Each structure stands twice: as C-alpha cells, then as structure tokens.
Amino acid sequence: ESLMSDIEIKEATKGYAFQTKRIIMTANTYPKNWHSKSSKNELLS
C-alpha cells in the first residue's frame, strides 16, 4: 500500500514510501513445519 504520492516519493530523501500488506512466495520456499515465534505462541495458547 502506498504511503506517499509519486511526487512525494520523487522529492523525499528518506521515509517510508509503502507498507507491505502481503508477500506471496513460490511453493516450498519454507518447510511445512516452519513457523515464526508468534505462530508457536498462538498455537500453544
């Protein structure tokens, strides 16, 4: 999602231009049993 307009991006020297909403990776990038720490905590709760 864009946080700046195209003009703001061209003029800016620093700052966030976008926010990541979703990342799509090819299948089998990570093993099926791979989880982040937050996922493990949610599963144990």
N, C-alpha and C. Protein backbone atom coordinates (compact mmCIF):
# COMPACT_ATOMS: atom_id res chain seq x y z
N GLU A 1 0.86 -1.17 0.00
CA GLU A 1 0.00 0.00 0.00
C GLU A 1 0.90 1.23 0.00
N SER A 2 0.62 2.15 -0.88
CA SER A 2 1.42 3.36 -1.00
C SER A 2 1.13 4.32 0.15
N LEU A 3 2.19 4.86 0.74
CA LEU A 3 2.05 5.85 1.81
C LEU A 3 2.36 7.26 1.32
N MET A 4 2.92 7.36 0.10
CA MET A 4 3.27 8.65 -0.50
C MET A 4 2.79 8.69 -1.94
N SER A 5 2.55 9.87 -2.42
CA SER A 5 2.22 10.02 -3.84
C SER A 5 3.51 9.92 -4.66
N ASP A 6 3.39 9.80 -5.97
CA ASP A 6 4.58 9.70 -6.81
C ASP A 6 5.44 10.95 -6.71
N ILE A 7 4.83 12.10 -6.56
CA ILE A 7 5.58 13.35 -6.43
C ILE A 7 6.35 13.37 -5.10
N GLU A 8 5.69 12.93 -4.02
CA GLU A 8 6.34 12.88 -2.71
C GLU A 8 7.53 11.92 -2.73
N ILE A 9 7.37 10.78 -3.41
CA ILE A 9 8.46 9.80 -3.49
C ILE A 9 9.66 10.40 -4.21
N LYS A 10 9.41 11.10 -5.32
CA LYS A 10 10.50 11.71 -6.09
C LYS A 10 11.22 12.79 -5.29
N GLU A 11 10.50 13.54 -4.47
CA GLU A 11 11.08 14.65 -3.72
C GLU A 11 11.70 14.22 -2.38
N ALA A 12 11.23 13.12 -1.82
CA ALA A 12 11.68 12.70 -0.49
C ALA A 12 13.11 12.16 -0.53
N THR A 13 13.86 12.43 0.53
CA THR A 13 15.20 11.88 0.66
C THR A 13 15.24 10.72 1.66
N LYS A 14 14.18 10.59 2.47
CA LYS A 14 14.08 9.47 3.40
C LYS A 14 12.63 9.31 3.81
N GLY A 15 12.32 8.18 4.42
CA GLY A 15 10.96 7.92 4.88
C GLY A 15 10.39 6.67 4.23
N TYR A 16 9.20 6.32 4.65
CA TYR A 16 8.51 5.14 4.13
C TYR A 16 7.63 5.53 2.95
N ALA A 17 7.81 4.85 1.83
CA ALA A 17 7.01 5.12 0.64
C ALA A 17 5.85 4.14 0.51
N PHE A 18 5.98 2.97 1.15
CA PHE A 18 4.92 1.96 1.06
C PHE A 18 4.91 1.11 2.31
N GLN A 19 3.83 0.38 2.51
CA GLN A 19 3.68 -0.54 3.62
C GLN A 19 3.35 -1.91 3.04
N THR A 20 4.08 -2.93 3.47
CA THR A 20 3.85 -4.28 2.97
C THR A 20 2.59 -4.85 3.60
N LYS A 21 1.68 -5.33 2.78
CA LYS A 21 0.44 -5.94 3.27
C LYS A 21 0.50 -7.46 3.18
N ARG A 22 1.10 -7.98 2.10
CA ARG A 22 1.13 -9.42 1.90
C ARG A 22 2.31 -9.76 0.99
N ILE A 23 2.98 -10.84 1.30
CA ILE A 23 4.08 -11.31 0.47
C ILE A 23 3.71 -12.70 -0.03
N ILE A 24 3.79 -12.91 -1.32
CA ILE A 24 3.47 -14.20 -1.92
C ILE A 24 4.77 -14.82 -2.42
N MET A 25 5.05 -16.04 -1.93
CA MET A 25 6.27 -16.75 -2.32
C MET A 25 5.91 -18.01 -3.08
N THR A 26 6.86 -18.52 -3.81
CA THR A 26 6.65 -19.77 -4.53
C THR A 26 6.48 -20.90 -3.53
N ALA A 27 5.80 -21.94 -3.95
CA ALA A 27 5.56 -23.10 -3.08
C ALA A 27 6.89 -23.72 -2.66
N ASN A 28 6.91 -24.27 -1.45
CA ASN A 28 8.06 -24.97 -0.88
C ASN A 28 9.25 -24.06 -0.62
N THR A 29 9.02 -22.77 -0.43
CA THR A 29 10.09 -21.86 -0.06
C THR A 29 10.58 -22.19 1.35
N TYR A 30 9.66 -22.48 2.24
CA TYR A 30 9.96 -22.90 3.60
C TYR A 30 9.31 -24.25 3.85
N PRO A 31 9.90 -25.08 4.72
CA PRO A 31 9.27 -26.37 5.03
C PRO A 31 7.91 -26.16 5.70
N LYS A 32 7.02 -27.15 5.56
CA LYS A 32 5.67 -27.02 6.11
C LYS A 32 5.67 -26.86 7.63
N ASN A 33 6.68 -27.38 8.32
CA ASN A 33 6.71 -27.28 9.78
C ASN A 33 7.36 -25.99 10.27
N TRP A 34 7.75 -25.08 9.37
CA TRP A 34 8.37 -23.81 9.75
C TRP A 34 7.31 -22.83 10.19
N HIS A 35 7.51 -22.21 11.37
CA HIS A 35 6.60 -21.19 11.90
C HIS A 35 7.42 -20.09 12.55
N SER A 36 6.86 -18.92 12.62
CA SER A 36 7.52 -17.84 13.36
C SER A 36 7.23 -18.03 14.85
N LYS A 37 7.94 -17.31 15.69
CA LYS A 37 7.74 -17.43 17.14
C LYS A 37 6.32 -17.06 17.54
N SER A 38 5.74 -16.04 16.91
CA SER A 38 4.39 -15.63 17.27
C SER A 38 3.39 -16.73 16.93
N SER A 39 3.62 -17.45 15.84
CA SER A 39 2.72 -18.54 15.47
C SER A 39 2.77 -19.66 16.51
N LYS A 40 3.97 -19.97 17.00
CA LYS A 40 4.11 -21.01 18.02
C LYS A 40 3.38 -20.60 19.29
N ASN A 41 3.54 -19.36 19.71
CA ASN A 41 2.87 -18.89 20.92
C ASN A 41 1.36 -18.95 20.77
N GLU A 42 0.84 -18.62 19.59
CA GLU A 42 -0.60 -18.68 19.37
C GLU A 42 -1.10 -20.12 19.40
N LEU A 43 -0.29 -21.05 18.88
CA LEU A 43 -0.69 -22.45 18.86
C LEU A 43 -0.69 -23.04 20.27
N LEU A 44 0.23 -22.60 21.12
CA LEU A 44 0.32 -23.13 22.48
C LEU A 44 -0.73 -22.55 23.41
N SER A 45 -1.27 -21.41 23.07
CA SER A 45 -2.25 -20.75 23.95
C SER A 45 -3.59 -21.43 23.93
